[in-house]
Amino acid sequence: MRLRVARRCGAFVLVLLCGCGGQPTADVSGRIAIRGKPPELDRLVVSFVMTDGRSFSGPVARDGRYTVAGVPTGEVKVGFIVPQPREPAHPKGSESPEEQNKPLDPKQKMQELRAAAKSKGAKSAAQASPVPEKYRDPLKSGVTTTLTPGSNTFDFDIK
């Protein structure tokens, strides 16, 4: 009896798996330049946002080369992001051992991080980015492309 149930369950799973081909994907690669020159940045990221809101991103090398594998095919919006380095909300040694071991309330942690970002001048750091503000948000950059199954090569020159 158990063997028969196991076989039927196994056959059912196989039928389900055979019907799940999924959407075709693309491997996207190319070069990114900023005003005609390699970006020479340590933290530049290229981001592809699908029409359904899913995003896929990958790092850009200092010479501008990038590769993002497994991006679903179709139209995508493209953005170029320079993430700011994270700093701890509390520098080491500024809290007592009891405070360091106390669990943090997530809302309190977010408020502390926002306050720290404001006090550190996060806005001025973002303004100093070599990537023009227009291109930082994939939804507002105006840069779009269509990905086809397999390998896709796209070069971008941000001006």
N, C-alpha and C. Protein backbone atom coordinates (compact mmCIF):
# COMPACT_ATOMS: atom_id res chain seq x y z
N MET A 1 0.83 -1.19 0.00
CA MET A 1 0.00 0.00 0.00
C MET A 1 0.87 1.26 0.00
N ARG A 2 1.86 1.31 0.90
CA ARG A 2 2.74 2.48 0.97
C ARG A 2 3.51 2.65 -0.32
N LEU A 3 3.93 1.54 -0.91
CA LEU A 3 4.71 1.60 -2.14
C LEU A 3 3.86 2.19 -3.28
N ARG A 4 2.60 1.81 -3.34
CA ARG A 4 1.72 2.33 -4.38
C ARG A 4 1.52 3.84 -4.22
N VAL A 5 1.33 4.31 -3.00
CA VAL A 5 1.15 5.74 -2.74
C VAL A 5 2.43 6.49 -3.10
N ALA A 6 3.58 5.93 -2.75
CA ALA A 6 4.86 6.57 -3.05
C ALA A 6 5.06 6.68 -4.56
N ARG A 7 4.71 5.64 -5.30
CA ARG A 7 4.85 5.67 -6.76
C ARG A 7 3.94 6.73 -7.38
N ARG A 8 2.70 6.79 -6.91
CA ARG A 8 1.77 7.78 -7.44
C ARG A 8 2.25 9.21 -7.14
N CYS A 9 2.74 9.42 -5.93
CA CYS A 9 3.26 10.75 -5.58
C CYS A 9 4.46 11.10 -6.45
N GLY A 10 5.34 10.12 -6.66
CA GLY A 10 6.51 10.35 -7.51
C GLY A 10 6.11 10.68 -8.93
N ALA A 11 5.13 9.95 -9.46
CA ALA A 11 4.66 10.20 -10.83
C ALA A 11 4.02 11.59 -10.93
N PHE A 12 3.28 11.98 -9.91
CA PHE A 12 2.64 13.29 -9.90
C PHE A 12 3.68 14.41 -9.91
N VAL A 13 4.72 14.25 -9.11
CA VAL A 13 5.80 15.25 -9.06
C VAL A 13 6.49 15.34 -10.41
N LEU A 14 6.75 14.22 -11.06
CA LEU A 14 7.39 14.24 -12.38
C LEU A 14 6.53 14.97 -13.41
N VAL A 15 5.22 14.75 -13.38
CA VAL A 15 4.32 15.43 -14.31
C VAL A 15 4.38 16.94 -14.07
N LEU A 16 4.38 17.35 -12.82
CA LEU A 16 4.46 18.77 -12.51
C LEU A 16 5.77 19.38 -13.00
N LEU A 17 6.86 18.68 -12.78
CA LEU A 17 8.17 19.20 -13.19
C LEU A 17 8.30 19.30 -14.70
N CYS A 18 7.72 18.38 -15.42
CA CYS A 18 7.81 18.42 -16.88
C CYS A 18 7.07 19.63 -17.44
N GLY A 19 6.03 20.08 -16.77
CA GLY A 19 5.26 21.21 -17.26
C GLY A 19 5.82 22.56 -16.85
N CYS A 20 6.89 22.58 -16.06
CA CYS A 20 7.43 23.84 -15.55
C CYS A 20 8.71 24.22 -16.28
N GLY A 21 8.58 24.68 -17.49
CA GLY A 21 9.75 25.09 -18.25
C GLY A 21 10.25 26.46 -17.83
N GLY A 22 9.35 27.33 -17.36
CA GLY A 22 9.75 28.66 -16.94
C GLY A 22 9.99 29.57 -18.13
N GLN A 23 10.21 30.84 -17.83
CA GLN A 23 10.47 31.84 -18.86
C GLN A 23 11.91 31.72 -19.33
N PRO A 24 12.16 31.90 -20.62
CA PRO A 24 13.54 31.86 -21.11
C PRO A 24 14.36 32.98 -20.47
N THR A 25 15.65 32.73 -20.32
CA THR A 25 16.50 33.73 -19.70
C THR A 25 17.60 34.19 -20.65
N ALA A 26 18.20 35.30 -20.28
CA ALA A 26 19.28 35.88 -21.06
C ALA A 26 20.49 36.12 -20.16
N ASP A 27 21.66 35.99 -20.75
CA ASP A 27 22.89 36.40 -20.09
C ASP A 27 23.28 37.72 -20.74
N VAL A 28 23.37 38.77 -19.92
CA VAL A 28 23.62 40.11 -20.43
C VAL A 28 25.04 40.52 -20.07
N SER A 29 25.76 41.02 -21.04
CA SER A 29 27.12 41.50 -20.78
C SER A 29 27.39 42.71 -21.67
N GLY A 30 28.49 43.36 -21.39
CA GLY A 30 28.87 44.52 -22.19
C GLY A 30 29.82 45.41 -21.43
N ARG A 31 29.87 46.66 -21.86
CA ARG A 31 30.75 47.65 -21.22
C ARG A 31 29.94 48.90 -20.91
N ILE A 32 30.31 49.52 -19.80
CA ILE A 32 29.69 50.77 -19.41
C ILE A 32 30.79 51.82 -19.37
N ALA A 33 30.49 52.98 -19.94
CA ALA A 33 31.41 54.12 -19.89
C ALA A 33 30.67 55.30 -19.29
N ILE A 34 31.41 56.18 -18.65
CA ILE A 34 30.85 57.43 -18.14
C ILE A 34 31.55 58.55 -18.90
N ARG A 35 30.76 59.23 -19.72
CA ARG A 35 31.29 60.29 -20.59
C ARG A 35 32.44 59.78 -21.45
N GLY A 36 32.27 58.58 -21.99
CA GLY A 36 33.23 58.01 -22.92
C GLY A 36 34.43 57.31 -22.30
N LYS A 37 34.52 57.29 -20.97
CA LYS A 37 35.68 56.68 -20.30
C LYS A 37 35.23 55.56 -19.37
N PRO A 38 36.11 54.57 -19.11
CA PRO A 38 35.76 53.52 -18.15
C PRO A 38 35.42 54.14 -16.79
N PRO A 39 34.48 53.55 -16.05
CA PRO A 39 34.04 54.17 -14.81
C PRO A 39 35.11 54.24 -13.71
N GLU A 40 36.01 53.26 -13.66
CA GLU A 40 37.05 53.20 -12.63
C GLU A 40 36.49 53.41 -11.23
N LEU A 41 35.35 52.76 -10.97
CA LEU A 41 34.72 52.81 -9.66
C LEU A 41 34.76 51.42 -9.04
N ASP A 42 34.86 51.38 -7.73
CA ASP A 42 34.90 50.09 -7.05
C ASP A 42 33.51 49.50 -6.80
N ARG A 43 32.46 50.34 -6.82
CA ARG A 43 31.15 49.85 -6.41
C ARG A 43 30.04 50.17 -7.40
N LEU A 44 30.29 50.26 -8.66
CA LEU A 44 29.23 50.53 -9.63
C LEU A 44 28.45 49.24 -9.90
N VAL A 45 27.12 49.37 -9.96
CA VAL A 45 26.23 48.23 -10.19
C VAL A 45 25.29 48.58 -11.35
N VAL A 46 25.11 47.65 -12.28
CA VAL A 46 24.12 47.82 -13.34
C VAL A 46 22.87 47.04 -12.91
N SER A 47 21.70 47.65 -13.09
CA SER A 47 20.46 47.04 -12.64
C SER A 47 19.45 46.99 -13.79
N PHE A 48 18.86 45.81 -13.99
CA PHE A 48 17.84 45.61 -15.01
C PHE A 48 16.52 45.34 -14.30
N VAL A 49 15.49 46.14 -14.59
CA VAL A 49 14.19 45.98 -13.94
C VAL A 49 13.18 45.54 -14.99
N MET A 50 12.53 44.42 -14.72
CA MET A 50 11.52 43.85 -15.62
C MET A 50 10.22 44.66 -15.54
N THR A 51 9.34 44.48 -16.50
CA THR A 51 8.06 45.19 -16.49
C THR A 51 7.20 44.80 -15.30
N ASP A 52 7.44 43.60 -14.72
CA ASP A 52 6.67 43.18 -13.55
C ASP A 52 7.31 43.63 -12.24
N GLY A 53 8.41 44.39 -12.32
CA GLY A 53 9.04 44.93 -11.11
C GLY A 53 10.22 44.15 -10.58
N ARG A 54 10.42 42.92 -11.07
CA ARG A 54 11.58 42.16 -10.60
C ARG A 54 12.85 42.82 -11.10
N SER A 55 13.90 42.79 -10.27
CA SER A 55 15.15 43.40 -10.72
C SER A 55 16.30 42.40 -10.62
N PHE A 56 17.24 42.56 -11.53
CA PHE A 56 18.43 41.72 -11.60
C PHE A 56 19.61 42.67 -11.77
N SER A 57 20.65 42.46 -10.99
CA SER A 57 21.77 43.39 -11.07
C SER A 57 23.09 42.65 -10.92
N GLY A 58 24.15 43.36 -11.27
CA GLY A 58 25.48 42.78 -11.16
C GLY A 58 26.53 43.88 -11.09
N PRO A 59 27.69 43.53 -10.56
CA PRO A 59 28.76 44.52 -10.42
C PRO A 59 29.40 44.86 -11.76
N VAL A 60 29.91 46.07 -11.82
CA VAL A 60 30.63 46.55 -13.00
C VAL A 60 32.10 46.66 -12.61
N ALA A 61 32.98 46.06 -13.41
CA ALA A 61 34.42 46.13 -13.14
C ALA A 61 34.93 47.56 -13.39
N ARG A 62 36.09 47.86 -12.85
CA ARG A 62 36.67 49.20 -13.01
C ARG A 62 36.85 49.58 -14.48
N ASP A 63 37.06 48.57 -15.34
CA ASP A 63 37.24 48.87 -16.77
C ASP A 63 35.90 48.95 -17.52
N GLY A 64 34.79 48.79 -16.79
CA GLY A 64 33.47 48.93 -17.38
C GLY A 64 32.77 47.65 -17.78
N ARG A 65 33.47 46.51 -17.71
CA ARG A 65 32.84 45.24 -18.11
C ARG A 65 31.85 44.79 -17.04
N TYR A 66 30.75 44.19 -17.51
CA TYR A 66 29.76 43.62 -16.59
C TYR A 66 29.15 42.38 -17.22
N THR A 67 28.64 41.49 -16.38
CA THR A 67 27.88 40.32 -16.81
C THR A 67 26.81 40.06 -15.77
N VAL A 68 25.58 39.89 -16.24
CA VAL A 68 24.47 39.52 -15.37
C VAL A 68 23.81 38.31 -16.02
N ALA A 69 23.83 37.18 -15.33
CA ALA A 69 23.30 35.93 -15.89
C ALA A 69 21.89 35.65 -15.37
N GLY A 70 21.10 34.97 -16.19
CA GLY A 70 19.79 34.48 -15.78
C GLY A 70 18.71 35.53 -15.69
N VAL A 71 18.79 36.57 -16.51
CA VAL A 71 17.76 37.61 -16.51
C VAL A 71 16.63 37.16 -17.44
N PRO A 72 15.38 37.17 -16.97
CA PRO A 72 14.28 36.79 -17.86
C PRO A 72 14.23 37.69 -19.09
N THR A 73 13.82 37.11 -20.21
CA THR A 73 13.78 37.86 -21.46
C THR A 73 12.61 38.85 -21.48
N GLY A 74 12.72 39.82 -22.36
CA GLY A 74 11.68 40.83 -22.50
C GLY A 74 12.26 42.21 -22.32
N GLU A 75 11.37 43.20 -22.27
CA GLU A 75 11.81 44.58 -22.12
C GLU A 75 12.25 44.84 -20.68
N VAL A 76 13.36 45.55 -20.53
CA VAL A 76 13.88 45.91 -19.21
C VAL A 76 14.23 47.39 -19.19
N LYS A 77 14.15 47.96 -18.01
CA LYS A 77 14.63 49.31 -17.77
C LYS A 77 15.99 49.17 -17.10
N VAL A 78 16.91 50.09 -17.41
CA VAL A 78 18.29 49.95 -16.94
C VAL A 78 18.68 51.15 -16.10
N GLY A 79 19.39 50.86 -15.00
CA GLY A 79 19.92 51.92 -14.14
C GLY A 79 21.34 51.61 -13.73
N PHE A 80 22.04 52.62 -13.27
CA PHE A 80 23.45 52.48 -12.89
C PHE A 80 23.60 53.09 -11.50
N ILE A 81 23.94 52.25 -10.53
CA ILE A 81 23.90 52.64 -9.13
C ILE A 81 25.30 52.56 -8.52
N VAL A 82 25.64 53.57 -7.73
CA VAL A 82 26.88 53.54 -6.95
C VAL A 82 26.47 53.48 -5.49
N PRO A 83 26.41 52.26 -4.91
CA PRO A 83 26.00 52.15 -3.51
C PRO A 83 27.00 52.85 -2.59
N GLN A 84 26.47 53.52 -1.59
CA GLN A 84 27.32 54.17 -0.60
C GLN A 84 27.77 53.13 0.42
N PRO A 85 29.00 53.21 0.92
CA PRO A 85 29.44 52.25 1.93
C PRO A 85 28.61 52.41 3.20
N ARG A 86 28.35 51.30 3.83
CA ARG A 86 27.57 51.32 5.07
C ARG A 86 28.48 51.59 6.24
N GLU A 87 27.97 52.39 7.16
CA GLU A 87 28.68 52.63 8.41
C GLU A 87 27.80 52.12 9.53
N PRO A 88 28.41 51.56 10.58
CA PRO A 88 27.59 51.08 11.69
C PRO A 88 26.89 52.25 12.38
N ALA A 89 25.68 52.00 12.88
CA ALA A 89 24.93 53.04 13.58
C ALA A 89 25.67 53.46 14.85
N HIS A 90 26.32 52.50 15.49
CA HIS A 90 27.10 52.79 16.69
C HIS A 90 28.52 52.32 16.47
N PRO A 91 29.49 53.22 16.44
CA PRO A 91 30.88 52.77 16.29
C PRO A 91 31.27 51.85 17.43
N LYS A 92 32.15 50.91 17.13
CA LYS A 92 32.60 49.96 18.16
C LYS A 92 33.14 50.72 19.35
N GLY A 93 32.78 50.23 20.52
CA GLY A 93 33.29 50.82 21.74
C GLY A 93 32.43 51.95 22.27
N SER A 94 31.41 52.40 21.54
CA SER A 94 30.58 53.50 22.01
C SER A 94 29.41 53.02 22.87
N GLU A 95 29.22 51.70 22.96
CA GLU A 95 28.14 51.15 23.77
C GLU A 95 28.72 50.30 24.89
N SER A 96 27.95 50.19 25.96
CA SER A 96 28.37 49.30 27.04
C SER A 96 28.15 47.86 26.59
N PRO A 97 28.82 46.88 27.24
CA PRO A 97 28.61 45.48 26.85
C PRO A 97 27.14 45.06 26.95
N GLU A 98 26.40 45.61 27.93
CA GLU A 98 24.98 45.26 28.06
C GLU A 98 24.19 45.75 26.85
N GLU A 99 24.52 46.98 26.39
CA GLU A 99 23.82 47.53 25.23
C GLU A 99 24.17 46.77 23.95
N GLN A 100 25.42 46.30 23.85
CA GLN A 100 25.84 45.57 22.66
C GLN A 100 25.12 44.24 22.54
N ASN A 101 24.80 43.60 23.66
CA ASN A 101 24.15 42.29 23.64
C ASN A 101 22.64 42.37 23.64
N LYS A 102 22.08 43.56 23.81
CA LYS A 102 20.64 43.74 23.84
C LYS A 102 20.07 43.63 22.42
N PRO A 103 19.00 42.82 22.22
CA PRO A 103 18.42 42.71 20.87
C PRO A 103 17.87 44.07 20.43
N LEU A 104 18.05 44.36 19.14
CA LEU A 104 17.59 45.64 18.60
C LEU A 104 16.18 45.53 18.05
N ASP A 105 15.39 46.54 18.31
CA ASP A 105 14.07 46.66 17.72
C ASP A 105 14.26 47.11 16.28
N PRO A 106 13.72 46.39 15.28
CA PRO A 106 13.95 46.75 13.88
C PRO A 106 13.55 48.19 13.55
N LYS A 107 12.43 48.68 14.10
CA LYS A 107 12.01 50.06 13.82
C LYS A 107 13.02 51.06 14.38
N GLN A 108 13.50 50.77 15.59
CA GLN A 108 14.49 51.65 16.21
C GLN A 108 15.78 51.65 15.39
N LYS A 109 16.19 50.48 14.92
CA LYS A 109 17.41 50.37 14.12
C LYS A 109 17.28 51.20 12.83
N MET A 110 16.12 51.12 12.15
CA MET A 110 15.92 51.89 10.93
C MET A 110 15.96 53.39 11.22
N GLN A 111 15.36 53.82 12.33
CA GLN A 111 15.38 55.24 12.68
C GLN A 111 16.81 55.70 12.94
N GLU A 112 17.60 54.87 13.63
CA GLU A 112 19.00 55.21 13.91
C GLU A 112 19.80 55.31 12.61
N LEU A 113 19.57 54.36 11.69
CA LEU A 113 20.30 54.39 10.42
C LEU A 113 19.93 55.62 9.59
N ARG A 114 18.64 55.97 9.57
CA ARG A 114 18.23 57.17 8.83
C ARG A 114 18.84 58.43 9.43
N ALA A 115 18.83 58.51 10.76
CA ALA A 115 19.41 59.68 11.42
C ALA A 115 20.91 59.77 11.14
N ALA A 116 21.59 58.62 11.17
CA ALA A 116 23.04 58.61 10.90
C ALA A 116 23.31 59.03 9.46
N ALA A 117 22.48 58.57 8.53
CA ALA A 117 22.68 58.94 7.12
C ALA A 117 22.49 60.44 6.92
N LYS A 118 21.47 61.01 7.57
CA LYS A 118 21.23 62.44 7.44
C LYS A 118 22.39 63.25 8.02
N SER A 119 22.86 62.81 9.19
CA SER A 119 23.93 63.57 9.84
C SER A 119 25.26 63.44 9.11
N LYS A 120 25.45 62.38 8.38
CA LYS A 120 26.72 62.17 7.66
C LYS A 120 26.71 62.83 6.29
N GLY A 121 25.60 63.45 5.93
CA GLY A 121 25.54 64.12 4.63
C GLY A 121 25.39 63.14 3.48
N ALA A 122 24.51 62.15 3.62
CA ALA A 122 24.33 61.16 2.57
C ALA A 122 23.89 61.81 1.26
N LYS A 123 23.13 62.89 1.35
CA LYS A 123 22.67 63.55 0.13
C LYS A 123 23.85 64.14 -0.64
N SER A 124 24.79 64.75 0.08
CA SER A 124 25.94 65.33 -0.62
C SER A 124 26.82 64.24 -1.21
N ALA A 125 26.90 63.07 -0.55
CA ALA A 125 27.68 61.96 -1.10
C ALA A 125 27.04 61.45 -2.38
N ALA A 126 25.70 61.38 -2.40
CA ALA A 126 25.01 60.93 -3.61
C ALA A 126 25.20 61.94 -4.74
N GLN A 127 25.20 63.22 -4.40
CA GLN A 127 25.39 64.24 -5.42
C GLN A 127 26.80 64.18 -6.00
N ALA A 128 27.77 63.68 -5.23
CA ALA A 128 29.15 63.59 -5.69
C ALA A 128 29.37 62.38 -6.60
N SER A 129 28.36 61.54 -6.78
CA SER A 129 28.49 60.35 -7.62
C SER A 129 28.81 60.75 -9.06
N PRO A 130 29.74 60.02 -9.71
CA PRO A 130 30.05 60.32 -11.11
C PRO A 130 28.92 59.94 -12.07
N VAL A 131 27.95 59.16 -11.59
CA VAL A 131 26.81 58.78 -12.41
C VAL A 131 25.76 59.88 -12.30
N PRO A 132 25.39 60.53 -13.40
CA PRO A 132 24.37 61.57 -13.32
C PRO A 132 23.09 61.03 -12.68
N GLU A 133 22.45 61.87 -11.89
CA GLU A 133 21.27 61.46 -11.12
C GLU A 133 20.20 60.81 -11.99
N LYS A 134 20.03 61.29 -13.19
CA LYS A 134 19.02 60.76 -14.11
C LYS A 134 19.14 59.25 -14.30
N TYR A 135 20.36 58.72 -14.30
CA TYR A 135 20.59 57.31 -14.62
C TYR A 135 20.63 56.40 -13.39
N ARG A 136 20.50 56.95 -12.20
CA ARG A 136 20.63 56.13 -10.99
C ARG A 136 19.41 55.27 -10.70
N ASP A 137 18.24 55.70 -11.15
CA ASP A 137 17.01 54.95 -10.90
C ASP A 137 16.56 54.31 -12.21
N PRO A 138 16.56 52.97 -12.29
CA PRO A 138 16.17 52.31 -13.55
C PRO A 138 14.77 52.71 -14.03
N LEU A 139 13.88 53.02 -13.10
CA LEU A 139 12.51 53.36 -13.50
C LEU A 139 12.42 54.77 -14.08
N LYS A 140 13.42 55.61 -13.83
CA LYS A 140 13.39 56.99 -14.30
C LYS A 140 14.49 57.32 -15.30
N SER A 141 15.39 56.38 -15.56
CA SER A 141 16.57 56.68 -16.39
C SER A 141 16.24 56.91 -17.86
N GLY A 142 15.16 56.31 -18.33
CA GLY A 142 14.83 56.41 -19.75
C GLY A 142 15.62 55.43 -20.60
N VAL A 143 16.48 54.62 -19.97
CA VAL A 143 17.27 53.63 -20.71
C VAL A 143 16.52 52.31 -20.67
N THR A 144 16.15 51.80 -21.84
CA THR A 144 15.46 50.51 -21.94
C THR A 144 16.12 49.68 -23.03
N THR A 145 15.92 48.39 -22.92
CA THR A 145 16.40 47.48 -23.95
C THR A 145 15.54 46.22 -23.90
N THR A 146 15.62 45.42 -24.92
CA THR A 146 14.86 44.17 -24.97
C THR A 146 15.84 43.01 -24.98
N LEU A 147 15.67 42.10 -24.03
CA LEU A 147 16.54 40.93 -23.92
C LEU A 147 15.92 39.75 -24.65
N THR A 148 16.74 39.03 -25.40
CA THR A 148 16.30 37.83 -26.11
C THR A 148 16.98 36.62 -25.47
N PRO A 149 16.44 35.41 -25.65
CA PRO A 149 17.05 34.23 -25.05
C PRO A 149 18.51 34.07 -25.49
N GLY A 150 19.36 33.63 -24.56
CA GLY A 150 20.77 33.42 -24.85
C GLY A 150 21.62 34.60 -24.45
N SER A 151 22.70 34.81 -25.20
CA SER A 151 23.65 35.89 -24.89
C SER A 151 23.21 37.21 -25.51
N ASN A 152 23.28 38.26 -24.73
CA ASN A 152 22.95 39.61 -25.17
C ASN A 152 24.11 40.52 -24.79
N THR A 153 24.53 41.39 -25.70
CA THR A 153 25.60 42.33 -25.41
C THR A 153 25.08 43.75 -25.58
N PHE A 154 25.21 44.54 -24.53
CA PHE A 154 24.77 45.93 -24.56
C PHE A 154 25.84 46.80 -23.93
N ASP A 155 26.29 47.80 -24.68
CA ASP A 155 27.24 48.78 -24.17
C ASP A 155 26.47 50.07 -23.90
N PHE A 156 26.80 50.71 -22.78
CA PHE A 156 26.13 51.95 -22.40
C PHE A 156 27.17 53.03 -22.16
N ASP A 157 26.91 54.23 -22.66
CA ASP A 157 27.77 55.38 -22.37
C ASP A 157 26.90 56.40 -21.65
N ILE A 158 27.16 56.57 -20.36
CA ILE A 158 26.38 57.48 -19.52
C ILE A 158 26.96 58.88 -19.68
N LYS A 159 26.11 59.82 -20.08
CA LYS A 159 26.60 61.20 -20.29
C LYS A 159 25.87 62.19 -19.43
